[in-house]
PDB file of N, CA and C in Angstrom:
ATOM      1  N   UNK A   1     -24.972 -10.742  29.198  1.00  0.00           N
ATOM      2  CA  UNK A   1     -24.451 -11.590  27.873  1.00  0.00           C
ATOM      3  C   UNK A   1     -24.231 -10.390  26.672  1.00  0.00           C
ATOM      4  N   UNK A   2     -25.469  -9.749  26.435  1.00  0.00           N
ATOM      5  CA  UNK A   2     -25.578  -9.099  25.399  1.00  0.00           C
ATOM      6  C   UNK A   2     -24.894  -7.592  25.577  1.00  0.00           C
ATOM      7  N   UNK A   3     -24.532  -7.187  26.498  1.00  0.00           N
ATOM      8  CA  UNK A   3     -23.850  -6.098  27.042  1.00  0.00           C
ATOM      9  C   UNK A   3     -22.522  -6.555  26.757  1.00  0.00           C
ATOM     10  N   UNK A   4     -22.270  -7.573  27.223  1.00  0.00           N
ATOM     11  CA  UNK A   4     -20.651  -7.994  26.685  1.00  0.00           C
ATOM     12  C   UNK A   4     -20.198  -8.040  25.172  1.00  0.00           C
ATOM     13  N   UNK A   5     -21.263  -8.433  24.303  1.00  0.00           N
ATOM     14  CA  UNK A   5     -21.233  -8.386  22.805  1.00  0.00           C
ATOM     15  C   UNK A   5     -21.367  -7.062  22.283  1.00  0.00           C
ATOM     16  N   UNK A   6     -22.170  -6.007  22.743  1.00  0.00           N
ATOM     17  CA  UNK A   6     -21.738  -4.806  22.567  1.00  0.00           C
ATOM     18  C   UNK A   6     -20.697  -3.880  22.630  1.00  0.00           C
ATOM     19  N   UNK A   7     -20.004  -4.311  23.782  1.00  0.00           N
ATOM     20  CA  UNK A   7     -18.902  -3.808  24.027  1.00  0.00           C
ATOM     21  C   UNK A   7     -17.794  -4.387  23.298  1.00  0.00           C
ATOM     22  N   UNK A   8     -17.621  -5.773  23.134  1.00  0.00           N
ATOM     23  CA  UNK A   8     -16.755  -6.212  22.101  1.00  0.00           C
ATOM     24  C   UNK A   8     -16.919  -5.756  20.827  1.00  0.00           C
ATOM     25  N   UNK A   9     -18.099  -5.502  20.432  1.00  0.00           N
ATOM     26  CA  UNK A   9     -18.285  -4.970  18.969  1.00  0.00           C
ATOM     27  C   UNK A   9     -17.674  -3.529  18.613  1.00  0.00           C
ATOM     28  N   UNK A  10     -18.149  -2.719  19.673  1.00  0.00           N
ATOM     29  CA  UNK A  10     -17.685  -1.194  19.734  1.00  0.00           C
ATOM     30  C   UNK A  10     -16.254  -1.520  19.859  1.00  0.00           C
ATOM     31  N   UNK A  11     -15.504  -2.426  20.704  1.00  0.00           N
ATOM     32  CA  UNK A  11     -14.141  -2.335  20.743  1.00  0.00           C
ATOM     33  C   UNK A  11     -13.659  -2.409  19.566  1.00  0.00           C
ATOM     34  N   UNK A  12     -13.810  -3.600  18.827  1.00  0.00           N
ATOM     35  CA  UNK A  12     -13.429  -4.194  17.556  1.00  0.00           C
ATOM     36  C   UNK A  12     -13.514  -3.009  16.392  1.00  0.00           C
ATOM     37  N   UNK A  13     -14.754  -2.121  16.517  1.00  0.00           N
ATOM     38  CA  UNK A  13     -15.058  -1.319  15.580  1.00  0.00           C
ATOM     39  C   UNK A  13     -14.006  -0.235  15.689  1.00  0.00           C
ATOM     40  N   UNK A  14     -13.722   0.124  16.749  1.00  0.00           N
ATOM     41  CA  UNK A  14     -12.747   1.217  17.058  1.00  0.00           C
ATOM     42  C   UNK A  14     -11.160   1.075  16.726  1.00  0.00           C
ATOM     43  N   UNK A  15     -10.985  -0.492  17.004  1.00  0.00           N
ATOM     44  CA  UNK A  15      -9.615  -0.858  16.629  1.00  0.00           C
ATOM     45  C   UNK A  15      -9.356  -0.802  14.949  1.00  0.00           C
ATOM     46  N   UNK A  16     -10.614  -1.286  14.537  1.00  0.00           N
ATOM     47  CA  UNK A  16     -10.477  -1.313  13.038  1.00  0.00           C
ATOM     48  C   UNK A  16     -10.157   0.030  12.346  1.00  0.00           C
ATOM     49  N   UNK A  17     -11.047   0.886  12.914  1.00  0.00           N
ATOM     50  CA  UNK A  17     -10.954   2.206  12.651  1.00  0.00           C
ATOM     51  C   UNK A  17      -9.799   3.026  12.897  1.00  0.00           C
ATOM     52  N   UNK A  18      -9.232   2.739  14.210  1.00  0.00           N
ATOM     53  CA  UNK A  18      -8.132   3.366  14.416  1.00  0.00           C
ATOM     54  C   UNK A  18      -6.808   2.681  13.612  1.00  0.00           C
ATOM     55  N   UNK A  19      -7.146   1.607  13.126  1.00  0.00           N
ATOM     56  CA  UNK A  19      -5.899   0.771  12.375  1.00  0.00           C
ATOM     57  C   UNK A  19      -5.933   1.593  11.126  1.00  0.00           C
ATOM     58  N   UNK A  20      -7.306   1.855  10.202  1.00  0.00           N
ATOM     59  CA  UNK A  20      -7.182   2.132   9.080  1.00  0.00           C
ATOM     60  C   UNK A  20      -6.780   3.772   8.940  1.00  0.00           C
ATOM     61  N   UNK A  21      -6.987   4.292  10.197  1.00  0.00           N
ATOM     62  CA  UNK A  21      -6.547   5.715  10.165  1.00  0.00           C
ATOM     63  C   UNK A  21      -4.933   5.669  10.502  1.00  0.00           C
ATOM     64  N   UNK A  22      -4.457   5.073  11.111  1.00  0.00           N
ATOM     65  CA  UNK A  22      -2.883   4.656  11.644  1.00  0.00           C
ATOM     66  C   UNK A  22      -2.156   4.237  10.108  1.00  0.00           C
ATOM     67  N   UNK A  23      -2.786   3.594   9.272  1.00  0.00           N
ATOM     68  CA  UNK A  23      -2.037   2.907   8.147  1.00  0.00           C
ATOM     69  C   UNK A  23      -2.290   3.894   6.867  1.00  0.00           C
ATOM     70  N   UNK A  24      -3.533   4.672   7.238  1.00  0.00           N
ATOM     71  CA  UNK A  24      -3.219   5.908   6.081  1.00  0.00           C
ATOM     72  C   UNK A  24      -2.371   7.137   6.161  1.00  0.00           C
ATOM     73  N   UNK A  25      -1.930   7.291   7.336  1.00  0.00           N
ATOM     74  CA  UNK A  25      -1.000   8.235   7.736  1.00  0.00           C
ATOM     75  C   UNK A  25       0.288   7.958   7.896  1.00  0.00           C
ATOM     76  N   UNK A  26       0.771   6.606   8.161  1.00  0.00           N
ATOM     77  CA  UNK A  26       1.882   6.483   8.325  1.00  0.00           C
ATOM     78  C   UNK A  26       2.484   5.248   7.334  1.00  0.00           C
ATOM     79  N   UNK A  27       1.642   4.822   6.351  1.00  0.00           N
ATOM     80  CA  UNK A  27       2.070   3.826   5.438  1.00  0.00           C
ATOM     81  C   UNK A  27       3.109   4.210   4.442  1.00  0.00           C
ATOM     82  N   UNK A  28       3.698   3.408   4.018  1.00  0.00           N
ATOM     83  CA  UNK A  28       4.765   3.577   2.946  1.00  0.00           C
ATOM     84  C   UNK A  28       4.586   4.732   1.657  1.00  0.00           C
ATOM     85  N   UNK A  29       2.946   4.467   1.547  1.00  0.00           N
ATOM     86  CA  UNK A  29       2.958   5.604   0.279  1.00  0.00           C
ATOM     87  C   UNK A  29       2.114   6.678   0.648  1.00  0.00           C
ATOM     88  N   UNK A  30       1.966   7.082   1.732  1.00  0.00           N
ATOM     89  CA  UNK A  30       1.292   8.017   2.348  1.00  0.00           C
ATOM     90  C   UNK A  30       1.860   9.234   1.718  1.00  0.00           C
ATOM     91  N   UNK A  31       1.430  10.300   1.464  1.00  0.00           N
ATOM     92  CA  UNK A  31       2.135  11.471   1.243  1.00  0.00           C
ATOM     93  C   UNK A  31       2.771  12.231   2.208  1.00  0.00           C
ATOM     94  N   UNK A  32       4.199  12.581   2.040  1.00  0.00           N
ATOM     95  CA  UNK A  32       4.773  13.238   2.971  1.00  0.00           C
ATOM     96  C   UNK A  32       4.644  15.006   3.222  1.00  0.00           C
ATOM     97  N   UNK A  33       4.361  15.143   4.464  1.00  0.00           N
ATOM     98  CA  UNK A  33       3.814  16.627   4.384  1.00  0.00           C
ATOM     99  C   UNK A  33       4.968  17.433   5.154  1.00  0.00           C
ATOM    100  N   UNK A  34       4.958  18.696   4.652  1.00  0.00           N
ATOM    101  CA  UNK A  34       6.149  19.790   5.561  1.00  0.00           C
ATOM    102  C   UNK A  34       5.991  20.859   5.272  1.00  0.00           C
ATOM    103  N   UNK A  35       6.511  21.854   5.969  1.00  0.00           N
ATOM    104  CA  UNK A  35       6.028  23.195   5.956  1.00  0.00           C
ATOM    105  C   UNK A  35       7.774  24.127   5.733  1.00  0.00           C
ATOM    106  N   UNK A  36       7.959  25.105   5.147  1.00  0.00           N
ATOM    107  CA  UNK A  36       9.264  25.731   4.972  1.00  0.00           C
ATOM    108  C   UNK A  36       8.950  26.920   4.556  1.00  0.00           C
ATOM    109  N   UNK A  37      10.006  27.573   4.963  1.00  0.00           N
ATOM    110  CA  UNK A  37       9.954  29.507   4.604  1.00  0.00           C
ATOM    111  C   UNK A  37      11.033  29.604   3.513  1.00  0.00           C
ATOM    112  N   UNK A  38      10.656  30.188   2.459  1.00  0.00           N
ATOM    113  CA  UNK A  38      11.316  30.657   1.446  1.00  0.00           C
ATOM    114  C   UNK A  38      11.179  32.031   1.198  1.00  0.00           C
ATOM    115  N   UNK A  39      12.398  32.651   0.801  1.00  0.00           N
ATOM    116  CA  UNK A  39      12.186  34.060   0.833  1.00  0.00           C
ATOM    117  C   UNK A  39      11.200  34.753   1.826  1.00  0.00           C
ATOM    118  N   UNK A  40      11.052  34.548   2.962  1.00  0.00           N
ATOM    119  CA  UNK A  40      10.262  34.948   3.898  1.00  0.00           C
ATOM    120  C   UNK A  40       8.692  34.308   3.677  1.00  0.00           C
ATOM    121  N   UNK A  41       8.342  33.599   2.535  1.00  0.00           N
ATOM    122  CA  UNK A  41       7.100  33.248   2.601  1.00  0.00           C
ATOM    123  C   UNK A  41       6.680  31.862   2.792  1.00  0.00           C
ATOM    124  N   UNK A  42       5.891  31.554   3.585  1.00  0.00           N
ATOM    125  CA  UNK A  42       5.775  30.190   4.203  1.00  0.00           C
ATOM    126  C   UNK A  42       5.188  29.107   3.009  1.00  0.00           C
ATOM    127  N   UNK A  43       5.718  28.236   2.953  1.00  0.00           N
ATOM    128  CA  UNK A  43       5.149  26.983   1.824  1.00  0.00           C
ATOM    129  C   UNK A  43       4.673  25.966   2.490  1.00  0.00           C
ATOM    130  N   UNK A  44       3.651  25.536   2.205  1.00  0.00           N
ATOM    131  CA  UNK A  44       3.081  23.786   2.558  1.00  0.00           C
ATOM    132  C   UNK A  44       3.519  23.023   1.752  1.00  0.00           C
ATOM    133  N   UNK A  45       4.296  21.988   1.977  1.00  0.00           N
ATOM    134  CA  UNK A  45       4.301  20.784   1.104  1.00  0.00           C
ATOM    135  C   UNK A  45       3.981  19.706   1.100  1.00  0.00           C
ATOM    136  N   UNK A  46       3.675  18.714  -0.044  1.00  0.00           N
ATOM    137  CA  UNK A  46       2.900  17.670   0.103  1.00  0.00           C
ATOM    138  C   UNK A  46       3.474  16.845  -0.773  1.00  0.00           C
ATOM    139  N   UNK A  47       4.108  15.812  -0.574  1.00  0.00           N
ATOM    140  CA  UNK A  47       5.171  15.109  -1.692  1.00  0.00           C
ATOM    141  C   UNK A  47       4.437  13.673  -2.046  1.00  0.00           C
ATOM    142  N   UNK A  48       4.091  13.660  -3.238  1.00  0.00           N
ATOM    143  CA  UNK A  48       2.920  12.197  -3.342  1.00  0.00           C
ATOM    144  C   UNK A  48       4.321  11.214  -3.552  1.00  0.00           C
ATOM    145  N   UNK A  49       4.155  10.078  -3.277  1.00  0.00           N
ATOM    146  CA  UNK A  49       4.961   8.884  -3.177  1.00  0.00           C
ATOM    147  C   UNK A  49       4.593   8.039  -4.116  1.00  0.00           C
ATOM    148  N   UNK A  50       3.535   8.076  -4.695  1.00  0.00           N
ATOM    149  CA  UNK A  50       3.085   6.981  -5.714  1.00  0.00           C
ATOM    150  C   UNK A  50       2.069   7.712  -6.385  1.00  0.00           C
ATOM    151  N   UNK A  51       1.933   7.364  -7.865  1.00  0.00           N
ATOM    152  CA  UNK A  51       1.354   7.994  -8.922  1.00  0.00           C
ATOM    153  C   UNK A  51       0.239   6.933  -9.826  1.00  0.00           C
ATOM    154  N   UNK A  52      -0.749   6.247  -8.934  1.00  0.00           N
ATOM    155  CA  UNK A  52      -1.587   5.486  -9.544  1.00  0.00           C
ATOM    156  C   UNK A  52      -2.407   6.114 -10.990  1.00  0.00           C
ATOM    157  N   UNK A  53      -2.237   7.261 -11.058  1.00  0.00           N
ATOM    158  CA  UNK A  53      -3.059   7.688 -12.330  1.00  0.00           C
ATOM    159  C   UNK A  53      -2.129   7.656 -13.526  1.00  0.00           C
ATOM    160  N   UNK A  54      -3.060   7.890 -14.616  1.00  0.00           N
ATOM    161  CA  UNK A  54      -2.595   7.916 -15.995  1.00  0.00           C
ATOM    162  C   UNK A  54      -2.006   8.958 -16.297  1.00  0.00           C
ATOM    163  N   UNK A  55      -0.521   9.289 -16.923  1.00  0.00           N
ATOM    164  CA  UNK A  55      -0.081  10.240 -17.492  1.00  0.00           C
ATOM    165  C   UNK A  55       1.241  10.806 -16.284  1.00  0.00           C
ATOM    166  N   UNK A  56       1.572  11.729 -16.375  1.00  0.00           N
ATOM    167  CA  UNK A  56       2.751  11.971 -15.358  1.00  0.00           C
ATOM    168  C   UNK A  56       2.357  12.531 -14.015  1.00  0.00           C
ATOM    169  N   UNK A  57       3.353  12.503 -13.526  1.00  0.00           N
ATOM    170  CA  UNK A  57       3.104  13.062 -11.611  1.00  0.00           C
ATOM    171  C   UNK A  57       3.309  14.663 -11.712  1.00  0.00           C
ATOM    172  N   UNK A  58       1.990  15.136 -11.489  1.00  0.00           N
ATOM    173  CA  UNK A  58       2.370  16.768 -11.182  1.00  0.00           C
ATOM    174  C   UNK A  58       3.034  17.194 -10.047  1.00  0.00           C
ATOM    175  N   UNK A  59       3.623  18.017  -9.942  1.00  0.00           N
ATOM    176  CA  UNK A  59       4.287  18.867  -9.176  1.00  0.00           C
ATOM    177  C   UNK A  59       4.049  20.213  -8.876  1.00  0.00           C
ATOM    178  N   UNK A  60       3.623  20.686  -8.060  1.00  0.00           N
ATOM    179  CA  UNK A  60       3.142  22.148  -8.113  1.00  0.00           C
ATOM    180  C   UNK A  60       3.405  22.536  -6.498  1.00  0.00           C
ATOM    181  N   UNK A  61       3.839  23.935  -6.634  1.00  0.00           N
ATOM    182  CA  UNK A  61       4.402  24.672  -5.535  1.00  0.00           C
ATOM    183  C   UNK A  61       3.711  26.181  -5.525  1.00  0.00           C
ATOM    184  N   UNK A  62       2.921  26.461  -4.718  1.00  0.00           N
ATOM    185  CA  UNK A  62       2.412  27.746  -4.583  1.00  0.00           C
ATOM    186  C   UNK A  62       3.454  28.655  -4.332  1.00  0.00           C
ATOM    187  N   UNK A  63       3.742  29.732  -4.993  1.00  0.00           N
ATOM    188  CA  UNK A  63       4.774  30.680  -5.077  1.00  0.00           C
ATOM    189  C   UNK A  63       4.405  31.941  -5.647  1.00  0.00           C
ATOM    190  N   UNK A  64       3.715  32.752  -4.864  1.00  0.00           N
ATOM    191  CA  UNK A  64       2.935  34.341  -5.493  1.00  0.00           C
ATOM    192  C   UNK A  64       4.490  35.112  -5.999  1.00  0.00           C
ATOM    193  N   UNK A  65       5.561  35.135  -5.390  1.00  0.00           N
ATOM    194  CA  UNK A  65       6.416  35.940  -5.512  1.00  0.00           C
ATOM    195  C   UNK A  65       6.980  35.606  -7.004  1.00  0.00           C
ATOM    196  N   UNK A  66       7.139  36.767  -8.056  1.00  0.00           N
ATOM    197  CA  UNK A  66       7.556  36.027  -9.432  1.00  0.00           C
ATOM    198  C   UNK A  66       8.944  35.853  -9.524  1.00  0.00           C
ATOM    199  N   UNK A  67       9.777  36.140  -8.606  1.00  0.00           N
ATOM    200  CA  UNK A  67      11.045  36.067  -8.783  1.00  0.00           C
ATOM    201  C   UNK A  67      11.583  34.837  -8.564  1.00  0.00           C
ATOM    202  N   UNK A  68      10.687  33.886  -8.125  1.00  0.00           N
ATOM    203  CA  UNK A  68      11.001  32.362  -7.472  1.00  0.00           C
ATOM    204  C   UNK A  68      11.355  31.779  -8.403  1.00  0.00           C
ATOM    205  N   UNK A  69      12.242  30.826  -8.324  1.00  0.00           N
ATOM    206  CA  UNK A  69      12.043  29.795  -9.492  1.00  0.00           C
ATOM    207  C   UNK A  69      12.508  28.320  -8.853  1.00  0.00           C
ATOM    208  N   UNK A  70      12.224  27.352  -9.614  1.00  0.00           N
ATOM    209  CA  UNK A  70      12.526  26.114  -8.828  1.00  0.00           C
ATOM    210  C   UNK A  70      13.007  24.903  -9.920  1.00  0.00           C
ATOM    211  N   UNK A  71      13.416  23.846  -9.339  1.00  0.00           N
ATOM    212  CA  UNK A  71      13.989  22.699  -9.917  1.00  0.00           C
ATOM    213  C   UNK A  71      13.492  21.373  -9.140  1.00  0.00           C
ATOM    214  N   UNK A  72      12.887  20.154  -9.945  1.00  0.00           N
ATOM    215  CA  UNK A  72      12.467  19.302  -9.312  1.00  0.00           C
ATOM    216  C   UNK A  72      13.742  18.203  -9.137  1.00  0.00           C
ATOM    217  N   UNK A  73      14.357  18.130  -8.179  1.00  0.00           N
ATOM    218  CA  UNK A  73      15.479  16.985  -8.362  1.00  0.00           C
ATOM    219  C   UNK A  73      14.674  15.361  -8.367  1.00  0.00           C
ATOM    220  N   UNK A  74      14.777  14.514  -9.101  1.00  0.00           N
ATOM    221  CA  UNK A  74      14.080  13.157  -8.771  1.00  0.00           C
ATOM    222  C   UNK A  74      14.988  11.937  -9.439  1.00  0.00           C
ATOM    223  N   UNK A  75      14.941  10.756  -8.575  1.00  0.00           N
ATOM    224  CA  UNK A  75      15.180   9.308  -9.277  1.00  0.00           C
ATOM    225  C   UNK A  75      14.479   8.456  -9.108  1.00  0.00           C
ATOM    226  N   UNK A  76      14.340   7.316  -9.512  1.00  0.00           N
ATOM    227  CA  UNK A  76      13.736   6.303  -9.351  1.00  0.00           C
ATOM    228  C   UNK A  76      14.274   5.367  -7.932  1.00  0.00           C
ATOM    229  N   UNK A  77      13.049   5.049  -7.423  1.00  0.00           N
ATOM    230  CA  UNK A  77      13.751   4.413  -5.903  1.00  0.00           C
ATOM    231  C   UNK A  77      13.254   2.656  -6.050  1.00  0.00           C
ATOM    232  N   UNK A  78      13.921   1.911  -5.761  1.00  0.00           N
ATOM    233  CA  UNK A  78      15.320   2.002  -5.190  1.00  0.00           C
ATOM    234  C   UNK A  78      16.413   1.840  -6.241  1.00  0.00           C
ATOM    235  N   UNK A  79      16.768   2.582  -6.754  1.00  0.00           N
ATOM    236  CA  UNK A  79      18.006   2.844  -7.524  1.00  0.00           C
ATOM    237  C   UNK A  79      19.373   3.475  -7.220  1.00  0.00           C
ATOM    238  N   UNK A  80      20.237   3.563  -7.936  1.00  0.00           N
ATOM    239  CA  UNK A  80      21.392   4.242  -7.732  1.00  0.00           C
ATOM    240  C   UNK A  80      21.692   5.114  -8.934  1.00  0.00           C
ATOM    241  N   UNK A  81      20.575   5.278  -9.773  1.00  0.00           N
ATOM    242  CA  UNK A  81      20.531   6.085 -11.168  1.00  0.00           C
ATOM    243  C   UNK A  81      20.962   7.525 -10.644  1.00  0.00           C
ATOM    244  N   UNK A  82      21.772   8.209 -11.364  1.00  0.00           N
ATOM    245  CA  UNK A  82      21.867   9.691 -11.235  1.00  0.00           C
ATOM    246  C   UNK A  82      20.424  10.529 -11.145  1.00  0.00           C
ATOM    247  N   UNK A  83      20.588  11.406 -10.620  1.00  0.00           N
ATOM    248  CA  UNK A  83      19.558  12.285 -10.108  1.00  0.00           C
ATOM    249  C   UNK A  83      19.095  13.028 -11.557  1.00  0.00           C
ATOM    250  N   UNK A  84      17.932  13.336 -11.783  1.00  0.00           N
ATOM    251  CA  UNK A  84      17.426  14.094 -13.010  1.00  0.00           C
ATOM    252  C   UNK A  84      16.976  15.164 -12.220  1.00  0.00           C
ATOM    253  N   UNK A  85      17.308  16.314 -13.080  1.00  0.00           N
ATOM    254  CA  UNK A  85      16.909  17.837 -12.823  1.00  0.00           C
ATOM    255  C   UNK A  85      15.972  18.225 -13.815  1.00  0.00           C
ATOM    256  N   UNK A  86      14.742  18.569 -13.046  1.00  0.00           N
ATOM    257  CA  UNK A  86      13.442  19.043 -14.050  1.00  0.00           C
ATOM    258  C   UNK A  86      13.139  20.448 -13.708  1.00  0.00           C
ATOM    259  N   UNK A  87      13.511  21.456 -14.522  1.00  0.00           N
ATOM    260  CA  UNK A  87      13.043  22.930 -14.482  1.00  0.00           C
ATOM    261  C   UNK A  87      11.521  23.080 -14.188  1.00  0.00           C
ATOM    262  N   UNK A  88      11.049  24.133 -13.342  1.00  0.00           N
ATOM    263  CA  UNK A  88       9.640  24.237 -13.125  1.00  0.00           C
ATOM    264  C   UNK A  88       9.127  25.290 -13.676  1.00  0.00           C
ATOM    265  N   UNK A  89       7.983  25.655 -14.421  1.00  0.00           N
ATOM    266  CA  UNK A  89       7.485  26.677 -15.112  1.00  0.00           C
ATOM    267  C   UNK A  89       6.555  27.463 -14.362  1.00  0.00           C
ATOM    268  N   UNK A  90       6.592  28.242 -14.503  1.00  0.00           N
ATOM    269  CA  UNK A  90       5.886  29.473 -13.657  1.00  0.00           C
ATOM    270  C   UNK A  90       4.208  29.294 -14.316  1.00  0.00           C
ATOM    271  N   UNK A  91       3.208  29.354 -13.687  1.00  0.00           N
ATOM    272  CA  UNK A  91       2.122  29.298 -13.841  1.00  0.00           C
ATOM    273  C   UNK A  91       1.117  30.050 -13.065  1.00  0.00           C
ATOM    274  N   UNK A  92       0.893  31.316 -13.073  1.00  0.00           N
ATOM    275  CA  UNK A  92      -0.047  32.349 -12.067  1.00  0.00           C
ATOM    276  C   UNK A  92       0.834  32.365 -11.127  1.00  0.00           C
ATOM    277  N   UNK A  93       0.249  31.919  -9.996  1.00  0.00           N
ATOM    278  CA  UNK A  93       1.106  32.037  -8.561  1.00  0.00           C
ATOM    279  C   UNK A  93       1.940  30.975  -7.976  1.00  0.00           C
ATOM    280  N   UNK A  94       1.945  30.040  -8.984  1.00  0.00           N
ATOM    281  CA  UNK A  94       2.515  28.717  -8.841  1.00  0.00           C
ATOM    282  C   UNK A  94       3.707  28.456  -9.694  1.00  0.00           C
ATOM    283  N   UNK A  95       4.690  27.503  -9.184  1.00  0.00           N
ATOM    284  CA  UNK A  95       5.716  26.681 -10.052  1.00  0.00           C
ATOM    285  C   UNK A  95       5.024  25.445 -10.137  1.00  0.00           C
ATOM    286  N   UNK A  96       5.148  24.919 -11.833  1.00  0.00           N
ATOM    287  CA  UNK A  96       4.499  23.476 -11.892  1.00  0.00           C
ATOM    288  C   UNK A  96       5.797  22.919 -13.000  1.00  0.00           C
ATOM    289  N   UNK A  97       5.560  21.618 -12.700  1.00  0.00           N
ATOM    290  CA  UNK A  97       6.391  20.682 -13.306  1.00  0.00           C
ATOM    291  C   UNK A  97       5.537  18.973 -13.290  1.00  0.00           C
ATOM    292  N   UNK A  98       6.236  18.392 -14.242  1.00  0.00           N
ATOM    293  CA  UNK A  98       5.866  16.983 -14.254  1.00  0.00           C
ATOM    294  C   UNK A  98       6.541  15.945 -14.576  1.00  0.00           C
ATOM    295  N   UNK A  99       6.742  14.844 -13.468  1.00  0.00           N
ATOM    296  CA  UNK A  99       7.850  13.864 -13.779  1.00  0.00           C
ATOM    297  C   UNK A  99       7.025  12.671 -14.564  1.00  0.00           C
ATOM    298  N   UNK A 100       7.634  12.521 -15.643  1.00  0.00           N
ATOM    299  CA  UNK A 100       7.351  11.434 -16.612  1.00  0.00           C
ATOM    300  C   UNK A 100       7.266   9.699 -15.632  1.00  0.00           C
ATOM    301  N   UNK A 101       5.998   9.288 -15.840  1.00  0.00           N
ATOM    302  CA  UNK A 101       6.096   8.078 -15.531  1.00  0.00           C
ATOM    303  C   UNK A 101       6.867   7.037 -16.398  1.00  0.00           C
ATOM    304  N   UNK A 102       7.211   6.184 -15.461  1.00  0.00           N
ATOM    305  CA  UNK A 102       8.000   5.066 -15.825  1.00  0.00           C
ATOM    306  C   UNK A 102       7.033   3.719 -16.492  1.00  0.00           C
ATOM    307  N   UNK A 103       7.469   2.964 -17.178  1.00  0.00           N
ATOM    308  CA  UNK A 103       7.052   1.765 -17.414  1.00  0.00           C
ATOM    309  C   UNK A 103       6.613   0.859 -16.393  1.00  0.00           C
ATOM    310  N   UNK A 104       5.532   0.348 -16.362  1.00  0.00           N
ATOM    311  CA  UNK A 104       5.133  -0.673 -15.057  1.00  0.00           C
ATOM    312  C   UNK A 104       6.171  -2.009 -15.584  1.00  0.00           C
ATOM    313  N   UNK A 105       6.782  -2.517 -14.378  1.00  0.00           N
ATOM    314  CA  UNK A 105       7.543  -3.638 -14.429  1.00  0.00           C
ATOM    315  C   UNK A 105       6.655  -4.851 -13.934  1.00  0.00           C
ATOM    316  N   UNK A 106       6.740  -6.144 -14.624  1.00  0.00           N
ATOM    317  CA  UNK A 106       6.256  -7.119 -14.160  1.00  0.00           C
ATOM    318  C   UNK A 106       6.659  -7.779 -12.973  1.00  0.00           C
ATOM    319  N   UNK A 107       5.442  -7.903 -12.049  1.00  0.00           N
ATOM    320  CA  UNK A 107       6.015  -8.376 -10.840  1.00  0.00           C
ATOM    321  C   UNK A 107       6.071  -9.906 -10.503  1.00  0.00           C
ATOM    322  N   UNK A 108       5.910 -10.775 -11.358  1.00  0.00           N
ATOM    323  CA  UNK A 108       5.911 -11.990 -11.277  1.00  0.00           C
ATOM    324  C   UNK A 108       6.750 -12.765 -12.421  1.00  0.00           C
ATOM    325  N   UNK A 109       7.460 -13.413 -12.081  1.00  0.00           N
ATOM    326  CA  UNK A 109       8.085 -14.085 -13.325  1.00  0.00           C
ATOM    327  C   UNK A 109       7.501 -15.318 -13.641  1.00  0.00           C
ATOM    328  N   UNK A 110       7.110 -15.468 -15.060  1.00  0.00           N
ATOM    329  CA  UNK A 110       6.845 -16.705 -15.786  1.00  0.00           C
ATOM    330  C   UNK A 110       7.560 -17.908 -16.050  1.00  0.00           C
ATOM    331  N   UNK A 111       8.684 -17.460 -15.765  1.00  0.00           N
ATOM    332  CA  UNK A 111       9.796 -18.812 -15.762  1.00  0.00           C
ATOM    333  C   UNK A 111       9.704 -19.965 -15.013  1.00  0.00           C
TER     334      UNK A 111
END
């Protein structure tokens, strides 16, 4: 009987840990990742979908070639607002920008 309990506890722990990893890598707020080649230079991308911290959302692209420039195009989700263009500034071997945070909306109505 004790062997069955150990197997069940091990199975429960494996399912719980597997579910946690699956949620972290596929959930709606996980960072989207990708790779592109721009001007013969491979770039790794990590797109943050949430920003729980204080201040603006930093955007950074490693781009060693000094002739590369960039623009961040963004809009609030889920809206039909017009896209906003934010030019990126060079900082050493990277292009950087910061998307301004929006004020928090109330989630619950008090009416």
